[in-house]
N, C-alpha and C. Protein backbone atom coordinates (compact mmCIF):
# COMPACT_ATOMS: atom_id res chain seq x y z
N MET A 1 -5.81 31.47 -10.28
CA MET A 1 -6.95 30.77 -10.87
C MET A 1 -8.22 31.57 -10.61
N SER A 2 -9.03 31.78 -11.64
CA SER A 2 -10.27 32.54 -11.47
C SER A 2 -11.28 31.73 -10.68
N HIS A 3 -12.28 32.44 -10.17
CA HIS A 3 -13.32 31.77 -9.39
C HIS A 3 -14.03 30.70 -10.22
N THR A 4 -14.34 31.04 -11.48
CA THR A 4 -15.04 30.08 -12.36
C THR A 4 -14.17 28.86 -12.63
N ALA A 5 -12.88 29.11 -12.91
CA ALA A 5 -11.97 27.99 -13.17
C ALA A 5 -11.83 27.12 -11.93
N GLY A 6 -11.84 27.75 -10.76
CA GLY A 6 -11.74 27.00 -9.53
C GLY A 6 -12.94 26.11 -9.31
N ILE A 7 -14.12 26.62 -9.64
CA ILE A 7 -15.35 25.82 -9.52
C ILE A 7 -15.30 24.63 -10.47
N ARG A 8 -14.84 24.89 -11.71
CA ARG A 8 -14.75 23.79 -12.69
C ARG A 8 -13.77 22.72 -12.22
N GLN A 9 -12.64 23.16 -11.68
CA GLN A 9 -11.65 22.20 -11.21
C GLN A 9 -12.19 21.37 -10.04
N ALA A 10 -12.91 22.03 -9.15
CA ALA A 10 -13.50 21.32 -8.01
C ALA A 10 -14.53 20.29 -8.48
N GLN A 11 -15.32 20.67 -9.48
CA GLN A 11 -16.32 19.75 -10.02
C GLN A 11 -15.66 18.57 -10.72
N LYS A 12 -14.57 18.86 -11.41
CA LYS A 12 -13.83 17.80 -12.10
C LYS A 12 -13.29 16.78 -11.08
N LEU A 13 -12.71 17.28 -9.99
CA LEU A 13 -12.19 16.39 -8.96
C LEU A 13 -13.31 15.60 -8.29
N LYS A 14 -14.46 16.27 -8.12
CA LYS A 14 -15.61 15.60 -7.50
C LYS A 14 -16.11 14.46 -8.39
N THR A 15 -16.17 14.69 -9.70
CA THR A 15 -16.62 13.66 -10.63
C THR A 15 -15.64 12.50 -10.67
N ARG A 16 -14.36 12.83 -10.68
CA ARG A 16 -13.34 11.78 -10.69
C ARG A 16 -13.45 10.91 -9.44
N GLN A 17 -13.64 11.55 -8.29
CA GLN A 17 -13.75 10.79 -7.05
C GLN A 17 -15.03 9.96 -7.03
N ALA A 18 -16.09 10.49 -7.63
CA ALA A 18 -17.35 9.74 -7.70
C ALA A 18 -17.15 8.45 -8.50
N LEU A 19 -16.38 8.51 -9.56
CA LEU A 19 -16.09 7.32 -10.36
C LEU A 19 -15.25 6.32 -9.57
N LEU A 20 -14.25 6.82 -8.85
CA LEU A 20 -13.42 5.94 -8.04
C LEU A 20 -14.24 5.27 -6.94
N ASP A 21 -15.08 6.05 -6.28
CA ASP A 21 -15.91 5.50 -5.20
C ASP A 21 -16.91 4.47 -5.74
N ALA A 22 -17.50 4.77 -6.90
CA ALA A 22 -18.45 3.84 -7.50
C ALA A 22 -17.78 2.53 -7.86
N ALA A 23 -16.60 2.63 -8.46
CA ALA A 23 -15.86 1.42 -8.83
C ALA A 23 -15.51 0.60 -7.60
N LEU A 24 -15.06 1.29 -6.55
CA LEU A 24 -14.67 0.59 -5.33
C LEU A 24 -15.85 -0.15 -4.73
N GLY A 25 -17.02 0.46 -4.75
CA GLY A 25 -18.21 -0.21 -4.24
C GLY A 25 -18.57 -1.44 -5.05
N LEU A 26 -18.49 -1.33 -6.37
CA LEU A 26 -18.79 -2.48 -7.23
C LEU A 26 -17.77 -3.59 -7.07
N LEU A 27 -16.52 -3.21 -6.77
CA LEU A 27 -15.45 -4.20 -6.65
C LEU A 27 -15.53 -5.01 -5.35
N GLU A 28 -16.45 -4.65 -4.49
CA GLU A 28 -16.69 -5.48 -3.31
C GLU A 28 -17.25 -6.84 -3.71
N GLU A 29 -17.90 -6.89 -4.88
CA GLU A 29 -18.58 -8.11 -5.31
C GLU A 29 -17.97 -8.76 -6.54
N GLN A 30 -16.97 -8.14 -7.14
CA GLN A 30 -16.38 -8.68 -8.37
C GLN A 30 -14.96 -8.20 -8.55
N SER A 31 -14.27 -8.79 -9.52
CA SER A 31 -12.89 -8.38 -9.80
C SER A 31 -12.89 -7.25 -10.83
N LEU A 32 -11.77 -6.58 -10.93
CA LEU A 32 -11.66 -5.45 -11.86
C LEU A 32 -11.82 -5.92 -13.30
N SER A 33 -11.32 -7.11 -13.60
CA SER A 33 -11.38 -7.60 -14.98
C SER A 33 -12.80 -7.81 -15.47
N SER A 34 -13.76 -7.97 -14.55
CA SER A 34 -15.15 -8.18 -14.93
C SER A 34 -15.98 -6.90 -14.84
N LEU A 35 -15.35 -5.82 -14.43
CA LEU A 35 -16.08 -4.57 -14.22
C LEU A 35 -16.30 -3.85 -15.54
N GLY A 36 -17.54 -3.43 -15.79
CA GLY A 36 -17.87 -2.73 -17.03
C GLY A 36 -17.90 -1.23 -16.84
N LEU A 37 -17.50 -0.51 -17.89
CA LEU A 37 -17.47 0.95 -17.82
C LEU A 37 -18.86 1.52 -17.53
N ARG A 38 -19.87 0.98 -18.18
CA ARG A 38 -21.22 1.49 -17.97
C ARG A 38 -21.73 1.22 -16.56
N GLU A 39 -21.29 0.10 -15.96
CA GLU A 39 -21.64 -0.17 -14.57
C GLU A 39 -21.12 0.96 -13.68
N VAL A 40 -19.88 1.32 -13.93
CA VAL A 40 -19.22 2.33 -13.09
C VAL A 40 -19.89 3.68 -13.26
N THR A 41 -20.13 4.08 -14.51
CA THR A 41 -20.72 5.40 -14.75
C THR A 41 -22.15 5.47 -14.21
N ARG A 42 -22.88 4.38 -14.33
CA ARG A 42 -24.24 4.36 -13.81
C ARG A 42 -24.23 4.49 -12.29
N ALA A 43 -23.33 3.76 -11.63
CA ALA A 43 -23.24 3.80 -10.17
C ALA A 43 -22.75 5.16 -9.69
N GLY A 44 -21.90 5.80 -10.51
CA GLY A 44 -21.35 7.09 -10.11
C GLY A 44 -22.18 8.27 -10.55
N GLY A 45 -23.26 8.03 -11.29
CA GLY A 45 -24.10 9.11 -11.76
C GLY A 45 -23.41 9.98 -12.80
N VAL A 46 -22.59 9.35 -13.63
CA VAL A 46 -21.79 10.06 -14.63
C VAL A 46 -22.05 9.43 -15.99
N THR A 47 -22.00 10.21 -17.05
CA THR A 47 -22.20 9.67 -18.39
C THR A 47 -20.94 8.94 -18.84
N PRO A 48 -21.08 7.94 -19.73
CA PRO A 48 -19.90 7.26 -20.26
C PRO A 48 -18.92 8.23 -20.92
N THR A 49 -19.45 9.25 -21.58
CA THR A 49 -18.56 10.24 -22.22
C THR A 49 -17.72 10.95 -21.18
N ALA A 50 -18.32 11.29 -20.05
CA ALA A 50 -17.59 11.99 -18.99
C ALA A 50 -16.48 11.12 -18.40
N PHE A 51 -16.70 9.81 -18.41
CA PHE A 51 -15.68 8.90 -17.88
C PHE A 51 -14.34 9.15 -18.56
N TYR A 52 -14.38 9.31 -19.88
CA TYR A 52 -13.15 9.42 -20.65
C TYR A 52 -12.44 10.76 -20.45
N ARG A 53 -13.07 11.68 -19.77
CA ARG A 53 -12.38 12.92 -19.43
C ARG A 53 -11.44 12.70 -18.24
N HIS A 54 -11.60 11.56 -17.57
CA HIS A 54 -10.82 11.29 -16.37
C HIS A 54 -9.92 10.06 -16.51
N PHE A 55 -10.38 9.05 -17.24
CA PHE A 55 -9.62 7.81 -17.37
C PHE A 55 -9.70 7.30 -18.80
N ASP A 56 -8.60 6.71 -19.27
CA ASP A 56 -8.59 6.13 -20.61
C ASP A 56 -9.45 4.88 -20.68
N ASP A 57 -9.45 4.11 -19.61
CA ASP A 57 -10.21 2.85 -19.58
C ASP A 57 -10.33 2.39 -18.13
N ILE A 58 -10.92 1.22 -17.93
CA ILE A 58 -11.11 0.69 -16.59
C ILE A 58 -9.76 0.39 -15.93
N ALA A 59 -8.79 -0.06 -16.71
CA ALA A 59 -7.47 -0.34 -16.15
C ALA A 59 -6.85 0.92 -15.56
N ALA A 60 -7.00 2.05 -16.26
CA ALA A 60 -6.46 3.32 -15.76
C ALA A 60 -7.15 3.73 -14.46
N LEU A 61 -8.44 3.47 -14.38
CA LEU A 61 -9.16 3.74 -13.14
C LEU A 61 -8.61 2.86 -12.01
N GLY A 62 -8.33 1.59 -12.33
CA GLY A 62 -7.76 0.69 -11.34
C GLY A 62 -6.40 1.16 -10.85
N VAL A 63 -5.57 1.66 -11.76
CA VAL A 63 -4.26 2.19 -11.38
C VAL A 63 -4.43 3.38 -10.44
N ALA A 64 -5.42 4.23 -10.72
CA ALA A 64 -5.69 5.38 -9.85
C ALA A 64 -6.10 4.92 -8.45
N LEU A 65 -6.87 3.84 -8.37
CA LEU A 65 -7.25 3.30 -7.06
C LEU A 65 -6.03 2.77 -6.30
N VAL A 66 -5.11 2.16 -7.02
CA VAL A 66 -3.86 1.70 -6.39
C VAL A 66 -3.11 2.88 -5.79
N GLU A 67 -2.96 3.93 -6.59
CA GLU A 67 -2.23 5.11 -6.12
C GLU A 67 -2.93 5.77 -4.95
N GLN A 68 -4.26 5.79 -4.98
CA GLN A 68 -5.02 6.39 -3.89
C GLN A 68 -4.86 5.58 -2.61
N THR A 69 -4.82 4.26 -2.73
CA THR A 69 -4.73 3.39 -1.56
C THR A 69 -3.33 3.36 -0.97
N LEU A 70 -2.33 3.18 -1.80
CA LEU A 70 -0.96 2.98 -1.31
C LEU A 70 -0.10 4.24 -1.35
N GLY A 71 -0.39 5.13 -2.29
CA GLY A 71 0.46 6.30 -2.43
C GLY A 71 0.53 7.16 -1.18
N SER A 72 -0.60 7.31 -0.50
CA SER A 72 -0.63 8.17 0.68
C SER A 72 0.17 7.60 1.85
N LEU A 73 0.46 6.30 1.81
CA LEU A 73 1.18 5.67 2.91
C LEU A 73 2.67 6.00 2.90
N HIS A 74 3.19 6.40 1.73
CA HIS A 74 4.63 6.63 1.65
C HIS A 74 5.10 7.67 2.65
N GLY A 75 4.42 8.80 2.68
CA GLY A 75 4.84 9.86 3.58
C GLY A 75 4.75 9.44 5.04
N MET A 76 3.70 8.70 5.38
CA MET A 76 3.50 8.28 6.77
C MET A 76 4.55 7.27 7.20
N ILE A 77 4.79 6.27 6.34
CA ILE A 77 5.80 5.27 6.67
C ILE A 77 7.18 5.91 6.67
N GLY A 78 7.41 6.83 5.73
CA GLY A 78 8.69 7.53 5.69
C GLY A 78 8.96 8.29 6.97
N ALA A 79 7.92 8.91 7.52
CA ALA A 79 8.08 9.66 8.77
C ALA A 79 8.43 8.73 9.93
N ILE A 80 7.80 7.55 9.95
CA ILE A 80 8.11 6.58 11.01
C ILE A 80 9.55 6.08 10.87
N LEU A 81 9.96 5.77 9.65
CA LEU A 81 11.30 5.24 9.42
C LEU A 81 12.37 6.27 9.73
N ALA A 82 12.03 7.55 9.58
CA ALA A 82 13.00 8.62 9.81
C ALA A 82 13.25 8.87 11.29
N GLU A 83 12.41 8.31 12.15
CA GLU A 83 12.57 8.51 13.58
C GLU A 83 13.85 7.83 14.07
N THR A 84 14.47 8.44 15.03
CA THR A 84 15.62 7.80 15.66
C THR A 84 15.12 7.05 16.89
N GLY A 85 15.95 6.14 17.38
CA GLY A 85 15.55 5.41 18.58
C GLY A 85 15.39 3.93 18.31
N ASP A 86 14.61 3.30 19.12
CA ASP A 86 14.43 1.85 19.11
C ASP A 86 13.76 1.40 17.81
N SER A 87 14.44 0.51 17.07
CA SER A 87 13.88 0.05 15.79
C SER A 87 12.60 -0.75 16.00
N GLU A 88 12.48 -1.45 17.15
CA GLU A 88 11.27 -2.22 17.41
C GLU A 88 10.07 -1.30 17.63
N VAL A 89 10.31 -0.14 18.21
CA VAL A 89 9.23 0.84 18.39
C VAL A 89 8.73 1.29 17.02
N ARG A 90 9.66 1.51 16.11
CA ARG A 90 9.26 1.92 14.77
C ARG A 90 8.47 0.82 14.07
N LEU A 91 8.89 -0.41 14.25
CA LEU A 91 8.15 -1.53 13.66
C LEU A 91 6.75 -1.62 14.24
N ASP A 92 6.64 -1.43 15.56
CA ASP A 92 5.32 -1.44 16.20
C ASP A 92 4.44 -0.34 15.61
N ARG A 93 5.00 0.84 15.43
CA ARG A 93 4.22 1.95 14.89
C ARG A 93 3.82 1.68 13.44
N SER A 94 4.67 0.97 12.70
CA SER A 94 4.33 0.62 11.31
C SER A 94 3.15 -0.34 11.28
N VAL A 95 3.15 -1.32 12.20
CA VAL A 95 2.02 -2.26 12.29
C VAL A 95 0.75 -1.51 12.65
N GLU A 96 0.85 -0.58 13.60
CA GLU A 96 -0.31 0.22 14.00
C GLU A 96 -0.85 1.03 12.84
N LEU A 97 0.07 1.57 12.02
CA LEU A 97 -0.34 2.36 10.87
C LEU A 97 -1.12 1.52 9.87
N ILE A 98 -0.60 0.34 9.55
CA ILE A 98 -1.28 -0.55 8.62
C ILE A 98 -2.64 -0.96 9.18
N ALA A 99 -2.68 -1.31 10.46
CA ALA A 99 -3.94 -1.74 11.08
C ALA A 99 -4.98 -0.63 11.01
N ARG A 100 -4.55 0.60 11.26
CA ARG A 100 -5.51 1.71 11.24
C ARG A 100 -6.04 1.95 9.84
N HIS A 101 -5.17 1.88 8.85
CA HIS A 101 -5.62 2.13 7.48
C HIS A 101 -6.54 1.01 6.99
N VAL A 102 -6.23 -0.22 7.34
CA VAL A 102 -7.12 -1.33 6.95
C VAL A 102 -8.48 -1.17 7.62
N ARG A 103 -8.45 -0.74 8.88
CA ARG A 103 -9.70 -0.55 9.62
C ARG A 103 -10.54 0.59 9.01
N GLU A 104 -9.86 1.65 8.58
CA GLU A 104 -10.56 2.82 8.05
C GLU A 104 -10.92 2.68 6.58
N GLN A 105 -10.15 1.88 5.83
CA GLN A 105 -10.38 1.75 4.39
C GLN A 105 -10.38 0.29 3.96
N PRO A 106 -11.26 -0.53 4.52
CA PRO A 106 -11.23 -1.97 4.19
C PRO A 106 -11.47 -2.25 2.71
N ALA A 107 -12.36 -1.50 2.06
CA ALA A 107 -12.64 -1.76 0.64
C ALA A 107 -11.40 -1.52 -0.22
N HIS A 108 -10.64 -0.49 0.10
CA HIS A 108 -9.42 -0.19 -0.65
C HIS A 108 -8.42 -1.35 -0.54
N PHE A 109 -8.24 -1.86 0.67
CA PHE A 109 -7.25 -2.92 0.86
C PHE A 109 -7.74 -4.27 0.35
N ARG A 110 -9.05 -4.49 0.36
CA ARG A 110 -9.57 -5.70 -0.28
C ARG A 110 -9.28 -5.65 -1.78
N PHE A 111 -9.42 -4.48 -2.36
CA PHE A 111 -9.12 -4.29 -3.78
C PHE A 111 -7.65 -4.64 -4.06
N ILE A 112 -6.75 -4.13 -3.23
CA ILE A 112 -5.32 -4.40 -3.42
C ILE A 112 -5.04 -5.89 -3.27
N ALA A 113 -5.60 -6.51 -2.24
CA ALA A 113 -5.37 -7.94 -1.99
C ALA A 113 -5.84 -8.79 -3.16
N ARG A 114 -6.99 -8.42 -3.75
CA ARG A 114 -7.54 -9.20 -4.86
C ARG A 114 -6.77 -8.96 -6.15
N GLU A 115 -6.41 -7.72 -6.41
CA GLU A 115 -5.84 -7.38 -7.71
C GLU A 115 -4.32 -7.52 -7.78
N GLN A 116 -3.67 -7.75 -6.64
CA GLN A 116 -2.21 -7.92 -6.67
C GLN A 116 -1.80 -9.04 -7.61
N HIS A 117 -2.62 -10.05 -7.69
CA HIS A 117 -2.35 -11.17 -8.60
C HIS A 117 -3.53 -11.37 -9.55
N GLY A 118 -4.24 -10.29 -9.84
CA GLY A 118 -5.42 -10.37 -10.69
C GLY A 118 -5.11 -10.34 -12.17
N GLY A 119 -6.18 -10.19 -12.95
CA GLY A 119 -6.04 -10.34 -14.40
C GLY A 119 -5.81 -9.05 -15.17
N VAL A 120 -5.65 -7.91 -14.49
CA VAL A 120 -5.45 -6.64 -15.19
C VAL A 120 -3.99 -6.24 -15.05
N GLY A 121 -3.24 -6.41 -16.12
CA GLY A 121 -1.79 -6.21 -16.09
C GLY A 121 -1.33 -4.87 -15.55
N PRO A 122 -1.85 -3.75 -16.05
CA PRO A 122 -1.40 -2.44 -15.56
C PRO A 122 -1.62 -2.25 -14.05
N VAL A 123 -2.68 -2.85 -13.53
CA VAL A 123 -2.96 -2.73 -12.10
C VAL A 123 -1.98 -3.58 -11.30
N ARG A 124 -1.73 -4.81 -11.77
CA ARG A 124 -0.71 -5.65 -11.11
C ARG A 124 0.62 -4.92 -11.07
N GLU A 125 0.99 -4.32 -12.20
CA GLU A 125 2.27 -3.61 -12.28
C GLU A 125 2.29 -2.40 -11.35
N ALA A 126 1.16 -1.69 -11.26
CA ALA A 126 1.10 -0.52 -10.38
C ALA A 126 1.27 -0.92 -8.92
N ILE A 127 0.64 -2.03 -8.53
CA ILE A 127 0.80 -2.52 -7.16
C ILE A 127 2.24 -2.93 -6.92
N ALA A 128 2.83 -3.66 -7.86
CA ALA A 128 4.22 -4.10 -7.73
C ALA A 128 5.15 -2.90 -7.63
N ASP A 129 4.89 -1.86 -8.41
CA ASP A 129 5.73 -0.65 -8.37
C ASP A 129 5.65 0.02 -7.00
N GLN A 130 4.43 0.11 -6.45
CA GLN A 130 4.28 0.73 -5.14
C GLN A 130 5.01 -0.08 -4.07
N LEU A 131 4.89 -1.40 -4.12
CA LEU A 131 5.56 -2.24 -3.12
C LEU A 131 7.07 -2.17 -3.29
N ARG A 132 7.53 -2.04 -4.53
CA ARG A 132 8.97 -1.89 -4.77
C ARG A 132 9.48 -0.57 -4.18
N LEU A 133 8.69 0.49 -4.32
CA LEU A 133 9.07 1.77 -3.72
C LEU A 133 9.14 1.67 -2.20
N PHE A 134 8.16 0.99 -1.60
CA PHE A 134 8.20 0.79 -0.16
C PHE A 134 9.47 0.03 0.24
N THR A 135 9.80 -1.01 -0.52
CA THR A 135 10.99 -1.80 -0.22
C THR A 135 12.25 -0.94 -0.27
N GLU A 136 12.36 -0.11 -1.30
CA GLU A 136 13.53 0.76 -1.43
C GLU A 136 13.58 1.78 -0.30
N GLU A 137 12.42 2.30 0.10
CA GLU A 137 12.39 3.28 1.20
C GLU A 137 12.83 2.63 2.51
N VAL A 138 12.34 1.42 2.76
CA VAL A 138 12.73 0.71 3.98
C VAL A 138 14.22 0.39 3.94
N ALA A 139 14.71 -0.07 2.80
CA ALA A 139 16.13 -0.41 2.66
C ALA A 139 17.00 0.81 2.90
N THR A 140 16.59 1.95 2.38
CA THR A 140 17.36 3.18 2.57
C THR A 140 17.39 3.57 4.04
N ALA A 141 16.25 3.42 4.72
CA ALA A 141 16.17 3.79 6.14
C ALA A 141 17.06 2.89 6.99
N ILE A 142 17.01 1.59 6.76
CA ILE A 142 17.78 0.68 7.61
C ILE A 142 19.27 0.69 7.25
N ALA A 143 19.60 1.19 6.07
CA ALA A 143 21.02 1.25 5.67
C ALA A 143 21.81 2.17 6.60
N GLY A 144 21.15 3.17 7.16
CA GLY A 144 21.84 4.12 8.02
C GLY A 144 21.93 3.69 9.47
N GLU A 145 21.41 2.53 9.81
CA GLU A 145 21.45 2.07 11.19
C GLU A 145 22.73 1.30 11.48
N PRO A 146 23.25 1.38 12.70
CA PRO A 146 24.49 0.68 13.05
C PRO A 146 24.42 -0.82 12.78
N GLU A 147 23.22 -1.40 12.95
CA GLU A 147 23.07 -2.85 12.74
C GLU A 147 23.30 -3.26 11.28
N SER A 148 23.28 -2.27 10.38
CA SER A 148 23.42 -2.59 8.95
C SER A 148 24.85 -2.41 8.45
N ARG A 149 25.76 -2.14 9.35
CA ARG A 149 27.15 -1.95 8.94
C ARG A 149 27.67 -3.23 8.27
N GLY A 150 28.20 -3.07 7.06
CA GLY A 150 28.75 -4.21 6.32
C GLY A 150 27.76 -4.90 5.41
N TRP A 151 26.50 -4.47 5.45
CA TRP A 151 25.49 -5.10 4.60
C TRP A 151 25.63 -4.61 3.16
N SER A 152 25.39 -5.53 2.22
CA SER A 152 25.37 -5.14 0.80
C SER A 152 24.02 -4.53 0.46
N GLN A 153 23.96 -3.80 -0.64
CA GLN A 153 22.69 -3.23 -1.08
C GLN A 153 21.68 -4.34 -1.37
N GLU A 154 22.16 -5.43 -1.91
CA GLU A 154 21.27 -6.56 -2.21
C GLU A 154 20.62 -7.09 -0.93
N ASP A 155 21.42 -7.20 0.15
CA ASP A 155 20.89 -7.71 1.40
C ASP A 155 19.94 -6.70 2.05
N LEU A 156 20.25 -5.41 1.92
CA LEU A 156 19.36 -4.39 2.46
C LEU A 156 18.00 -4.43 1.78
N LEU A 157 18.01 -4.60 0.46
CA LEU A 157 16.75 -4.70 -0.28
C LEU A 157 16.00 -5.98 0.09
N MET A 158 16.74 -7.05 0.35
CA MET A 158 16.11 -8.30 0.76
C MET A 158 15.39 -8.11 2.10
N LEU A 159 16.07 -7.45 3.05
CA LEU A 159 15.45 -7.22 4.35
C LEU A 159 14.26 -6.27 4.21
N GLY A 160 14.44 -5.21 3.42
CA GLY A 160 13.32 -4.29 3.18
C GLY A 160 12.13 -5.02 2.59
N GLY A 161 12.40 -5.93 1.67
CA GLY A 161 11.34 -6.71 1.05
C GLY A 161 10.63 -7.62 2.04
N LEU A 162 11.39 -8.18 2.99
CA LEU A 162 10.78 -9.02 4.02
C LEU A 162 9.79 -8.23 4.85
N TYR A 163 10.21 -7.02 5.25
CA TYR A 163 9.31 -6.19 6.05
C TYR A 163 8.06 -5.80 5.25
N VAL A 164 8.24 -5.42 4.00
CA VAL A 164 7.11 -4.99 3.17
C VAL A 164 6.18 -6.17 2.90
N ASP A 165 6.74 -7.32 2.54
CA ASP A 165 5.92 -8.51 2.30
C ASP A 165 5.10 -8.86 3.54
N HIS A 166 5.74 -8.72 4.70
CA HIS A 166 5.03 -9.04 5.92
C HIS A 166 3.89 -8.06 6.17
N MET A 167 4.09 -6.80 5.83
CA MET A 167 3.02 -5.82 5.97
C MET A 167 1.84 -6.15 5.06
N VAL A 168 2.13 -6.60 3.85
CA VAL A 168 1.06 -7.00 2.93
C VAL A 168 0.29 -8.19 3.49
N ILE A 169 1.02 -9.17 4.00
CA ILE A 169 0.38 -10.35 4.59
C ILE A 169 -0.47 -9.93 5.80
N THR A 170 0.06 -9.02 6.59
CA THR A 170 -0.67 -8.54 7.77
C THR A 170 -1.97 -7.85 7.37
N ALA A 171 -1.91 -7.01 6.33
CA ALA A 171 -3.11 -6.31 5.86
C ALA A 171 -4.18 -7.32 5.43
N SER A 172 -3.77 -8.35 4.70
CA SER A 172 -4.72 -9.38 4.27
C SER A 172 -5.31 -10.12 5.45
N ALA A 173 -4.46 -10.43 6.44
CA ALA A 173 -4.94 -11.15 7.62
C ALA A 173 -5.92 -10.29 8.42
N LEU A 174 -5.67 -8.99 8.49
CA LEU A 174 -6.57 -8.09 9.20
C LEU A 174 -7.94 -8.04 8.51
N LEU A 175 -7.94 -8.06 7.19
CA LEU A 175 -9.20 -8.08 6.45
C LEU A 175 -9.99 -9.34 6.75
N ASP A 176 -9.30 -10.47 6.79
CA ASP A 176 -9.97 -11.75 7.05
C ASP A 176 -10.47 -11.84 8.49
N ALA A 177 -9.70 -11.24 9.40
CA ALA A 177 -10.04 -11.36 10.82
C ALA A 177 -11.23 -10.51 11.22
N GLY A 178 -11.42 -9.40 10.52
CA GLY A 178 -12.50 -8.50 10.90
C GLY A 178 -12.16 -7.72 12.14
N PRO A 179 -13.06 -6.86 12.59
CA PRO A 179 -12.76 -5.98 13.73
C PRO A 179 -12.48 -6.73 15.03
N ASP A 180 -13.11 -7.88 15.24
CA ASP A 180 -12.93 -8.60 16.49
C ASP A 180 -11.57 -9.28 16.59
N GLY A 181 -11.02 -9.70 15.45
CA GLY A 181 -9.75 -10.43 15.49
C GLY A 181 -8.55 -9.58 15.17
N GLY A 182 -8.74 -8.29 14.94
CA GLY A 182 -7.65 -7.42 14.53
C GLY A 182 -6.53 -7.31 15.53
N ARG A 183 -6.88 -7.26 16.82
CA ARG A 183 -5.86 -7.12 17.85
C ARG A 183 -4.90 -8.32 17.86
N ALA A 184 -5.46 -9.51 17.73
CA ALA A 184 -4.62 -10.72 17.73
C ALA A 184 -3.71 -10.76 16.51
N VAL A 185 -4.25 -10.37 15.35
CA VAL A 185 -3.44 -10.35 14.12
C VAL A 185 -2.29 -9.35 14.27
N ALA A 186 -2.57 -8.18 14.81
CA ALA A 186 -1.53 -7.17 14.98
C ALA A 186 -0.45 -7.65 15.93
N GLU A 187 -0.83 -8.36 16.98
CA GLU A 187 0.16 -8.86 17.93
C GLU A 187 1.05 -9.91 17.28
N VAL A 188 0.47 -10.81 16.50
CA VAL A 188 1.27 -11.81 15.78
C VAL A 188 2.22 -11.11 14.81
N ALA A 189 1.73 -10.07 14.14
CA ALA A 189 2.57 -9.33 13.20
C ALA A 189 3.77 -8.71 13.91
N ARG A 190 3.54 -8.14 15.08
CA ARG A 190 4.65 -7.55 15.84
C ARG A 190 5.67 -8.60 16.24
N ARG A 191 5.21 -9.75 16.69
CA ARG A 191 6.13 -10.82 17.12
C ARG A 191 6.96 -11.31 15.94
N ARG A 192 6.32 -11.46 14.79
CA ARG A 192 7.06 -11.91 13.61
C ARG A 192 8.08 -10.88 13.16
N MET A 193 7.70 -9.61 13.23
CA MET A 193 8.63 -8.55 12.85
C MET A 193 9.84 -8.53 13.79
N ARG A 194 9.58 -8.77 15.07
CA ARG A 194 10.69 -8.81 16.02
C ARG A 194 11.62 -9.99 15.73
N LEU A 195 11.03 -11.11 15.31
CA LEU A 195 11.85 -12.27 14.96
C LEU A 195 12.76 -11.95 13.79
N VAL A 196 12.23 -11.26 12.77
CA VAL A 196 13.05 -10.84 11.64
C VAL A 196 14.16 -9.90 12.11
N THR A 197 13.82 -9.00 13.02
CA THR A 197 14.79 -8.04 13.53
C THR A 197 15.92 -8.74 14.29
N LEU A 198 15.57 -9.74 15.09
CA LEU A 198 16.60 -10.50 15.81
C LEU A 198 17.49 -11.27 14.85
N GLY A 199 16.88 -11.85 13.82
CA GLY A 199 17.67 -12.56 12.82
C GLY A 199 18.62 -11.63 12.09
N ARG A 200 18.17 -10.40 11.88
CA ARG A 200 19.00 -9.41 11.21
C ARG A 200 20.32 -9.17 11.96
N LEU A 201 20.25 -9.19 13.29
CA LEU A 201 21.44 -8.90 14.09
C LEU A 201 22.53 -9.95 13.90
N HIS A 202 22.15 -11.13 13.43
CA HIS A 202 23.13 -12.22 13.28
C HIS A 202 23.37 -12.59 11.81
N TRP A 203 22.85 -11.77 10.89
CA TRP A 203 22.96 -12.10 9.47
C TRP A 203 24.42 -12.21 9.03
N LEU A 204 25.29 -11.35 9.54
CA LEU A 204 26.69 -11.33 9.09
C LEU A 204 27.61 -12.13 10.00
N ASP A 205 27.04 -12.90 10.93
CA ASP A 205 27.89 -13.72 11.79
C ASP A 205 28.75 -14.65 10.95
N GLY A 206 30.06 -14.63 11.19
CA GLY A 206 30.97 -15.47 10.44
C GLY A 206 31.43 -14.86 9.14
N THR A 207 30.90 -13.68 8.79
CA THR A 207 31.34 -12.99 7.58
C THR A 207 32.48 -12.05 7.92
N PRO A 208 33.58 -12.08 7.19
CA PRO A 208 34.71 -11.19 7.51
C PRO A 208 34.28 -9.71 7.46
N ASP A 209 34.75 -8.93 8.41
CA ASP A 209 34.46 -7.51 8.44
C ASP A 209 35.17 -6.81 7.29
N PRO A 210 34.40 -6.14 6.38
CA PRO A 210 35.04 -5.51 5.22
C PRO A 210 35.99 -4.38 5.60
N ALA A 211 35.85 -3.85 6.84
CA ALA A 211 36.73 -2.78 7.27
C ALA A 211 38.02 -3.37 7.83
């Protein structure tokens, strides 16, 4: 890539991020469905024409915010799940990861919490897709554990979904609690996760061993 092309690419990424940041700031006070394109471009210092070089519409911008907020977590959660050892330690580390991200990016997670059941279809679908990917990743990780011997794929996905749903609930609770109540919320989250883990050990009690 030439020096000039590199500068143009850097400027393009900078403008795109300016639009995302502007939208996120405006979304602190309103939902995505009420957000206007001109509001975003004015807040981001970008012309309306320039907006369309980056996004087709406000919904596409919202999808990009979903990917920015949740997409980066896949690698981090995947690394935790790939660890060997005590499953409760991994669950604790997962709670710590969510708590840290909510603490560092509260506006992003408020956006997710609001728009998960909001009025913009593509954004709802993008959030659902990300959560489905997390569920599949968790199910794949726990499938290889001795405790999962004899489990069906359906049951593995159900358990993965329980963990993911609980993480979403925890993120919302952390937002509501604020910095002072975060420690208590995280501790409750750990206890609930342990309860799910204990229940998992007895899920197949009374079920004939397929082997």
